[in-house]
N, C-alpha and C. Protein backbone atom coordinates (compact mmCIF):
# COMPACT_ATOMS: atom_id res chain seq x y z
N UNK A 1 14.05 10.98 69.56
CA UNK A 1 12.73 10.38 69.61
C UNK A 1 12.89 8.94 70.09
N UNK A 2 12.09 8.53 71.07
CA UNK A 2 12.15 7.19 71.62
C UNK A 2 10.99 6.35 71.09
N UNK A 3 11.34 5.32 70.37
CA UNK A 3 10.33 4.40 69.85
C UNK A 3 10.62 3.01 70.40
N UNK A 4 10.51 2.89 71.72
CA UNK A 4 10.85 1.65 72.41
C UNK A 4 9.98 0.47 72.00
N UNK A 5 8.74 0.71 71.61
CA UNK A 5 7.81 -0.37 71.27
C UNK A 5 7.97 -0.82 69.81
N UNK A 6 8.81 -0.14 69.06
CA UNK A 6 9.00 -0.45 67.65
C UNK A 6 9.78 -1.75 67.50
N UNK A 7 9.24 -2.68 66.71
CA UNK A 7 9.97 -3.92 66.38
C UNK A 7 10.93 -3.56 65.26
N UNK A 8 12.23 -3.71 65.51
CA UNK A 8 13.21 -3.35 64.49
C UNK A 8 14.44 -4.23 64.63
N UNK A 9 15.16 -4.32 63.53
CA UNK A 9 16.45 -5.00 63.55
C UNK A 9 17.30 -4.46 62.41
N UNK A 10 18.56 -4.83 62.42
CA UNK A 10 19.50 -4.40 61.39
C UNK A 10 19.46 -5.40 60.24
N UNK A 11 19.35 -4.88 59.02
CA UNK A 11 19.34 -5.71 57.82
C UNK A 11 20.49 -5.26 56.93
N UNK A 12 21.33 -6.20 56.53
CA UNK A 12 22.49 -5.88 55.69
C UNK A 12 22.04 -5.17 54.42
N UNK A 13 22.73 -4.12 54.07
CA UNK A 13 22.42 -3.37 52.86
C UNK A 13 21.33 -2.33 53.04
N UNK A 14 20.65 -2.35 54.18
CA UNK A 14 19.58 -1.38 54.42
C UNK A 14 19.86 -0.57 55.67
N UNK A 15 20.14 -1.25 56.77
CA UNK A 15 20.31 -0.59 58.06
C UNK A 15 19.19 -1.00 58.98
N UNK A 16 18.75 -0.11 59.83
CA UNK A 16 17.69 -0.40 60.80
C UNK A 16 16.34 -0.47 60.07
N UNK A 17 15.63 -1.58 60.27
CA UNK A 17 14.35 -1.83 59.58
C UNK A 17 13.25 -1.98 60.62
N UNK A 18 12.12 -1.27 60.39
CA UNK A 18 10.95 -1.36 61.26
C UNK A 18 10.01 -2.46 60.75
N UNK A 19 9.51 -3.28 61.66
CA UNK A 19 8.60 -4.38 61.32
C UNK A 19 7.20 -4.05 61.83
N UNK A 20 6.21 -3.96 60.94
CA UNK A 20 4.84 -3.73 61.39
C UNK A 20 4.32 -4.92 62.20
N UNK A 21 3.47 -4.64 63.15
CA UNK A 21 2.88 -5.70 63.97
C UNK A 21 1.93 -6.56 63.15
N UNK A 22 1.08 -5.92 62.35
CA UNK A 22 0.06 -6.65 61.58
C UNK A 22 0.43 -6.64 60.10
N UNK A 23 0.94 -7.77 59.63
CA UNK A 23 1.28 -7.93 58.21
C UNK A 23 0.36 -9.03 57.67
N UNK A 24 -0.82 -8.66 57.25
CA UNK A 24 -1.88 -9.62 56.95
C UNK A 24 -1.72 -10.27 55.59
N UNK A 25 -1.45 -9.50 54.57
CA UNK A 25 -1.30 -10.04 53.21
C UNK A 25 0.19 -10.16 52.90
N UNK A 26 0.81 -11.21 53.40
CA UNK A 26 2.25 -11.39 53.30
C UNK A 26 2.74 -11.51 51.85
N UNK A 27 1.89 -12.01 50.97
CA UNK A 27 2.27 -12.13 49.56
C UNK A 27 2.50 -10.77 48.92
N UNK A 28 1.97 -9.72 49.49
CA UNK A 28 2.10 -8.38 48.93
C UNK A 28 3.11 -7.52 49.66
N UNK A 29 3.80 -8.08 50.64
CA UNK A 29 4.77 -7.30 51.39
C UNK A 29 6.11 -7.29 50.66
N UNK A 30 6.72 -6.12 50.62
CA UNK A 30 8.07 -5.99 50.09
C UNK A 30 8.88 -5.17 51.08
N UNK A 31 10.12 -5.58 51.29
CA UNK A 31 11.03 -4.84 52.14
C UNK A 31 11.69 -3.78 51.28
N UNK A 32 11.58 -2.52 51.70
CA UNK A 32 12.13 -1.43 50.91
C UNK A 32 12.99 -0.53 51.77
N UNK A 33 14.10 -0.12 51.20
CA UNK A 33 14.93 0.92 51.81
C UNK A 33 14.21 2.24 51.57
N UNK A 34 14.12 3.07 52.59
CA UNK A 34 13.39 4.33 52.46
C UNK A 34 13.91 5.20 51.32
N UNK A 35 15.20 5.14 51.06
CA UNK A 35 15.77 5.94 49.96
C UNK A 35 15.19 5.54 48.60
N UNK A 36 14.64 4.34 48.50
CA UNK A 36 14.10 3.85 47.23
C UNK A 36 12.60 4.10 47.07
N UNK A 37 11.99 4.75 48.04
CA UNK A 37 10.55 5.02 48.00
C UNK A 37 10.33 6.48 47.65
N UNK A 38 9.45 6.71 46.68
CA UNK A 38 9.10 8.08 46.30
C UNK A 38 8.09 8.59 47.33
N UNK A 39 8.40 9.70 47.96
CA UNK A 39 7.61 10.17 49.09
C UNK A 39 6.61 11.25 48.72
N UNK A 40 5.58 11.34 49.51
CA UNK A 40 4.65 12.45 49.45
C UNK A 40 4.87 13.30 50.69
N UNK A 41 4.41 14.52 50.67
CA UNK A 41 4.57 15.41 51.82
C UNK A 41 3.67 14.95 52.96
N UNK A 42 4.22 14.84 54.13
CA UNK A 42 3.47 14.39 55.31
C UNK A 42 2.72 15.56 55.95
N UNK A 43 1.69 15.21 56.69
CA UNK A 43 0.89 16.18 57.43
C UNK A 43 1.33 16.17 58.88
N UNK A 44 0.57 16.82 59.76
CA UNK A 44 0.86 16.85 61.18
C UNK A 44 0.77 15.43 61.74
N UNK A 45 1.85 14.96 62.33
CA UNK A 45 1.91 13.57 62.76
C UNK A 45 2.03 13.39 64.26
N UNK A 46 1.67 14.41 65.05
CA UNK A 46 1.86 14.32 66.50
C UNK A 46 1.10 13.17 67.15
N UNK A 47 -0.17 13.01 66.80
CA UNK A 47 -0.98 11.93 67.38
C UNK A 47 -0.41 10.57 66.99
N UNK A 48 -0.05 10.42 65.74
CA UNK A 48 0.50 9.16 65.27
C UNK A 48 1.85 8.86 65.90
N UNK A 49 2.67 9.87 66.08
CA UNK A 49 3.97 9.68 66.72
C UNK A 49 3.79 9.11 68.12
N UNK A 50 2.84 9.66 68.86
CA UNK A 50 2.57 9.16 70.22
C UNK A 50 2.09 7.71 70.17
N UNK A 51 1.26 7.38 69.18
CA UNK A 51 0.78 6.01 69.05
C UNK A 51 1.92 5.05 68.71
N UNK A 52 2.81 5.44 67.82
CA UNK A 52 3.96 4.59 67.48
C UNK A 52 4.87 4.43 68.70
N UNK A 53 5.04 5.49 69.47
CA UNK A 53 5.84 5.39 70.69
C UNK A 53 5.21 4.40 71.67
N UNK A 54 3.88 4.36 71.71
CA UNK A 54 3.16 3.48 72.63
C UNK A 54 3.05 2.04 72.11
N UNK A 55 2.71 1.88 70.82
CA UNK A 55 2.37 0.55 70.27
C UNK A 55 3.33 0.01 69.22
N UNK A 56 4.26 0.82 68.77
CA UNK A 56 5.11 0.41 67.65
C UNK A 56 4.39 0.66 66.33
N UNK A 57 4.97 0.21 65.24
CA UNK A 57 4.38 0.37 63.92
C UNK A 57 3.33 -0.72 63.73
N UNK A 58 2.06 -0.35 63.66
CA UNK A 58 0.99 -1.35 63.56
C UNK A 58 0.82 -1.91 62.17
N UNK A 59 0.89 -1.08 61.15
CA UNK A 59 0.52 -1.49 59.79
C UNK A 59 1.64 -1.18 58.80
N UNK A 60 1.75 -2.02 57.77
CA UNK A 60 2.69 -1.68 56.69
C UNK A 60 2.20 -0.43 55.95
N UNK A 61 3.13 0.37 55.48
CA UNK A 61 2.77 1.48 54.60
C UNK A 61 2.45 0.89 53.23
N UNK A 62 1.94 1.70 52.32
CA UNK A 62 1.51 1.19 51.01
C UNK A 62 2.25 1.94 49.90
N UNK A 63 2.77 1.16 48.94
CA UNK A 63 3.39 1.74 47.75
C UNK A 63 2.69 1.17 46.52
N UNK A 64 2.80 1.89 45.40
CA UNK A 64 2.23 1.39 44.15
C UNK A 64 3.33 0.68 43.35
N UNK A 65 3.01 0.30 42.12
CA UNK A 65 3.97 -0.44 41.30
C UNK A 65 5.22 0.37 40.99
N UNK A 66 5.14 1.69 41.08
CA UNK A 66 6.29 2.56 40.82
C UNK A 66 7.02 2.96 42.10
N UNK A 67 6.70 2.28 43.21
CA UNK A 67 7.28 2.54 44.52
C UNK A 67 6.94 3.92 45.06
N UNK A 68 5.83 4.49 44.58
CA UNK A 68 5.32 5.77 45.10
C UNK A 68 4.54 5.46 46.38
N UNK A 69 4.87 6.16 47.44
CA UNK A 69 4.16 5.99 48.71
C UNK A 69 2.73 6.51 48.55
N UNK A 70 1.74 5.64 48.78
CA UNK A 70 0.34 6.04 48.63
C UNK A 70 -0.41 6.08 49.96
N UNK A 71 0.13 5.46 51.00
CA UNK A 71 -0.46 5.52 52.33
C UNK A 71 0.65 5.33 53.35
N UNK A 72 0.73 6.25 54.29
CA UNK A 72 1.71 6.13 55.36
C UNK A 72 2.76 7.22 55.38
N UNK A 73 2.48 8.37 54.77
CA UNK A 73 3.46 9.47 54.74
C UNK A 73 3.92 9.87 56.14
N UNK A 74 2.97 9.97 57.05
CA UNK A 74 3.32 10.37 58.42
C UNK A 74 4.19 9.32 59.10
N UNK A 75 3.80 8.05 58.95
CA UNK A 75 4.61 6.98 59.53
C UNK A 75 6.02 7.00 58.95
N UNK A 76 6.09 7.19 57.64
CA UNK A 76 7.37 7.24 56.94
C UNK A 76 8.27 8.32 57.55
N UNK A 77 7.73 9.52 57.70
CA UNK A 77 8.50 10.64 58.23
C UNK A 77 8.92 10.39 59.68
N UNK A 78 8.02 9.86 60.48
CA UNK A 78 8.32 9.57 61.89
C UNK A 78 9.47 8.56 61.99
N UNK A 79 9.40 7.50 61.18
CA UNK A 79 10.44 6.47 61.22
C UNK A 79 11.77 7.01 60.70
N UNK A 80 11.73 7.83 59.65
CA UNK A 80 12.96 8.43 59.15
C UNK A 80 13.63 9.28 60.22
N UNK A 81 12.84 10.07 60.94
CA UNK A 81 13.40 10.92 61.99
C UNK A 81 14.00 10.09 63.12
N UNK A 82 13.53 8.85 63.28
CA UNK A 82 14.05 7.95 64.31
C UNK A 82 15.23 7.13 63.78
N UNK A 83 15.75 7.52 62.62
CA UNK A 83 16.91 6.88 61.97
C UNK A 83 16.62 5.44 61.53
N UNK A 84 15.37 5.17 61.22
CA UNK A 84 15.01 3.88 60.62
C UNK A 84 15.25 4.01 59.11
N UNK A 85 15.82 2.98 58.50
CA UNK A 85 16.21 3.07 57.10
C UNK A 85 15.30 2.32 56.14
N UNK A 86 14.37 1.50 56.68
CA UNK A 86 13.49 0.73 55.80
C UNK A 86 12.38 0.08 56.59
N UNK A 87 11.43 -0.51 55.86
CA UNK A 87 10.32 -1.21 56.49
C UNK A 87 9.65 -2.09 55.44
N UNK A 88 8.60 -2.77 55.87
CA UNK A 88 7.79 -3.56 54.95
C UNK A 88 6.63 -2.71 54.47
N UNK A 89 6.32 -2.84 53.19
CA UNK A 89 5.25 -2.09 52.54
C UNK A 89 4.33 -3.07 51.83
N UNK A 90 3.02 -2.79 51.82
CA UNK A 90 2.13 -3.49 50.91
C UNK A 90 2.37 -2.89 49.54
N UNK A 91 2.54 -3.74 48.53
CA UNK A 91 2.74 -3.26 47.16
C UNK A 91 1.45 -3.47 46.40
N UNK A 92 0.74 -2.36 46.14
CA UNK A 92 -0.54 -2.41 45.43
C UNK A 92 -0.29 -2.43 43.93
N UNK A 93 -1.06 -3.25 43.23
CA UNK A 93 -0.89 -3.39 41.78
C UNK A 93 -1.91 -2.60 40.97
N UNK A 94 -2.94 -2.06 41.65
CA UNK A 94 -3.94 -1.25 40.93
C UNK A 94 -4.65 -0.34 41.93
N UNK A 95 -5.55 0.50 41.40
CA UNK A 95 -6.24 1.49 42.22
C UNK A 95 -7.07 0.84 43.33
N UNK A 96 -7.79 -0.24 43.00
CA UNK A 96 -8.62 -0.90 44.02
C UNK A 96 -7.77 -1.44 45.17
N UNK A 97 -6.61 -1.98 44.85
CA UNK A 97 -5.72 -2.49 45.90
C UNK A 97 -5.17 -1.35 46.76
N UNK A 98 -4.82 -0.22 46.13
CA UNK A 98 -4.34 0.94 46.90
C UNK A 98 -5.39 1.37 47.92
N UNK A 99 -6.62 1.48 47.45
CA UNK A 99 -7.71 1.90 48.34
C UNK A 99 -7.94 0.87 49.43
N UNK A 100 -7.97 -0.41 49.05
CA UNK A 100 -8.20 -1.48 50.03
C UNK A 100 -7.12 -1.48 51.11
N UNK A 101 -5.85 -1.43 50.72
CA UNK A 101 -4.78 -1.47 51.72
C UNK A 101 -4.84 -0.26 52.65
N UNK A 102 -5.20 0.91 52.13
CA UNK A 102 -5.37 2.09 52.98
C UNK A 102 -6.51 1.86 53.98
N UNK A 103 -7.65 1.38 53.48
CA UNK A 103 -8.80 1.12 54.36
C UNK A 103 -8.49 0.01 55.36
N UNK A 104 -7.74 -1.00 54.93
CA UNK A 104 -7.30 -2.08 55.82
C UNK A 104 -6.47 -1.51 56.96
N UNK A 105 -5.55 -0.61 56.63
CA UNK A 105 -4.72 0.02 57.67
C UNK A 105 -5.56 0.87 58.61
N UNK A 106 -6.54 1.59 58.06
CA UNK A 106 -7.44 2.39 58.91
C UNK A 106 -8.19 1.50 59.88
N UNK A 107 -8.73 0.39 59.36
CA UNK A 107 -9.47 -0.56 60.20
C UNK A 107 -8.57 -1.17 61.27
N UNK A 108 -7.36 -1.53 60.89
CA UNK A 108 -6.41 -2.11 61.84
C UNK A 108 -6.13 -1.13 62.98
N UNK A 109 -5.90 0.12 62.62
CA UNK A 109 -5.61 1.14 63.64
C UNK A 109 -6.81 1.34 64.56
N UNK A 110 -8.02 1.32 63.98
CA UNK A 110 -9.24 1.48 64.79
C UNK A 110 -9.48 0.29 65.72
N UNK A 111 -9.19 -0.91 65.26
CA UNK A 111 -9.51 -2.13 66.02
C UNK A 111 -8.44 -2.52 67.03
N UNK A 112 -7.20 -2.15 66.81
CA UNK A 112 -6.11 -2.55 67.71
C UNK A 112 -6.40 -2.09 69.14
N UNK A 113 -6.19 -2.91 70.15
CA UNK A 113 -5.61 -4.25 70.13
C UNK A 113 -6.63 -5.39 70.05
N UNK A 114 -7.90 -5.09 69.92
CA UNK A 114 -8.93 -6.13 69.89
C UNK A 114 -9.12 -6.64 68.47
N UNK A 115 -8.28 -7.58 68.05
CA UNK A 115 -8.27 -8.05 66.67
C UNK A 115 -8.98 -9.40 66.48
N UNK A 116 -9.73 -9.85 67.48
CA UNK A 116 -10.35 -11.17 67.41
C UNK A 116 -11.26 -11.37 66.21
N UNK A 117 -12.05 -10.39 65.85
CA UNK A 117 -13.01 -10.53 64.76
C UNK A 117 -12.61 -9.69 63.55
N UNK A 118 -11.33 -9.43 63.43
CA UNK A 118 -10.83 -8.52 62.40
C UNK A 118 -11.18 -8.99 60.99
N UNK A 119 -10.87 -10.24 60.65
CA UNK A 119 -11.13 -10.73 59.29
C UNK A 119 -12.61 -10.67 58.96
N UNK A 120 -13.43 -10.92 59.94
CA UNK A 120 -14.88 -10.84 59.77
C UNK A 120 -15.30 -9.41 59.39
N UNK A 121 -14.65 -8.44 60.01
CA UNK A 121 -15.01 -7.03 59.77
C UNK A 121 -14.63 -6.55 58.38
N UNK A 122 -13.74 -7.28 57.71
CA UNK A 122 -13.39 -6.93 56.34
C UNK A 122 -14.60 -7.09 55.41
N UNK A 123 -15.55 -7.92 55.80
CA UNK A 123 -16.72 -8.25 54.97
C UNK A 123 -17.99 -7.60 55.49
N UNK A 124 -17.85 -6.60 56.35
CA UNK A 124 -19.02 -5.94 56.94
C UNK A 124 -18.96 -4.43 56.74
N UNK A 125 -20.11 -3.80 56.84
CA UNK A 125 -20.20 -2.34 56.81
C UNK A 125 -19.54 -1.72 55.59
N UNK A 126 -18.93 -0.56 55.78
CA UNK A 126 -18.29 0.17 54.70
C UNK A 126 -17.11 -0.59 54.10
N UNK A 127 -16.45 -1.39 54.90
CA UNK A 127 -15.26 -2.11 54.45
C UNK A 127 -15.58 -3.14 53.37
N UNK A 128 -16.79 -3.66 53.39
CA UNK A 128 -17.19 -4.73 52.47
C UNK A 128 -17.00 -4.33 51.01
N UNK A 129 -17.36 -3.10 50.65
CA UNK A 129 -17.27 -2.69 49.24
C UNK A 129 -15.82 -2.63 48.75
N UNK A 130 -14.88 -2.38 49.64
CA UNK A 130 -13.46 -2.37 49.26
C UNK A 130 -12.92 -3.79 49.17
N UNK A 131 -13.32 -4.62 50.11
CA UNK A 131 -12.85 -6.00 50.15
C UNK A 131 -13.35 -6.78 48.93
N UNK A 132 -14.59 -6.56 48.55
CA UNK A 132 -15.17 -7.30 47.42
C UNK A 132 -14.44 -7.04 46.10
N UNK A 133 -13.74 -5.93 45.99
CA UNK A 133 -13.02 -5.60 44.76
C UNK A 133 -11.64 -6.25 44.68
N UNK A 134 -11.19 -6.85 45.78
CA UNK A 134 -9.84 -7.42 45.81
C UNK A 134 -9.81 -8.84 46.38
N UNK A 135 -10.84 -9.61 46.10
CA UNK A 135 -10.91 -10.96 46.67
C UNK A 135 -9.72 -11.82 46.26
N UNK A 136 -9.09 -11.50 45.15
CA UNK A 136 -7.91 -12.25 44.71
C UNK A 136 -6.78 -12.21 45.73
N UNK A 137 -6.73 -11.18 46.56
CA UNK A 137 -5.67 -11.08 47.57
C UNK A 137 -5.74 -12.23 48.59
N UNK A 138 -6.93 -12.74 48.80
CA UNK A 138 -7.12 -13.80 49.80
C UNK A 138 -6.68 -15.17 49.31
N UNK A 139 -6.43 -15.28 48.01
CA UNK A 139 -6.05 -16.58 47.46
C UNK A 139 -4.71 -16.56 46.72
N UNK A 140 -4.00 -15.46 46.77
CA UNK A 140 -2.70 -15.40 46.09
C UNK A 140 -1.76 -16.47 46.64
N UNK A 141 -1.19 -17.23 45.73
CA UNK A 141 -0.23 -18.30 46.05
C UNK A 141 -0.80 -19.38 46.96
N UNK A 142 -2.11 -19.52 46.97
CA UNK A 142 -2.74 -20.62 47.70
C UNK A 142 -2.82 -21.80 46.74
N UNK A 143 -2.32 -22.91 47.17
CA UNK A 143 -2.32 -24.10 46.32
C UNK A 143 -3.42 -25.05 46.79
N UNK A 144 -4.09 -25.64 45.84
CA UNK A 144 -5.11 -26.63 46.20
C UNK A 144 -4.54 -28.02 45.97
N UNK A 145 -4.98 -28.92 46.80
CA UNK A 145 -4.56 -30.31 46.70
C UNK A 145 -5.61 -31.09 45.94
N UNK A 146 -5.17 -31.79 44.93
CA UNK A 146 -6.09 -32.60 44.15
C UNK A 146 -5.95 -34.04 44.65
N UNK A 147 -7.04 -34.60 45.19
CA UNK A 147 -6.97 -35.98 45.68
C UNK A 147 -6.76 -36.96 44.51
N UNK A 148 -6.01 -38.01 44.79
CA UNK A 148 -5.75 -39.03 43.75
C UNK A 148 -6.81 -40.08 43.74
């Protein structure tokens, strides 16, 4: 399988690692070796495989606090077959975050490559109800400056 558009490099202790193009919530990203992720059974991934061959890995997959894969089974299987050993995952801490990260990935895939108004779209239409439940993600590790 040829994944020429895939951003990847070798990482000590893991092997070949795939880097998603859009890593929006960096505070929630964790680098995981595929062997350490609990997998779900993947579905037919032919369309997605062609997209990864064309565009690379667009979005991080999603795991929960127990490292159970909750979104990205097809991507996971495609990358494993290409001898990729790890990638970055969004680590969801609760049900609302799992749903939000999945919907975020769906929106990213739908909007790519026209990402100019992407953040705006998180607060519009159907996406708004998911975003409103996880507003804390937008301020994680943001420090405020107190004027003297």
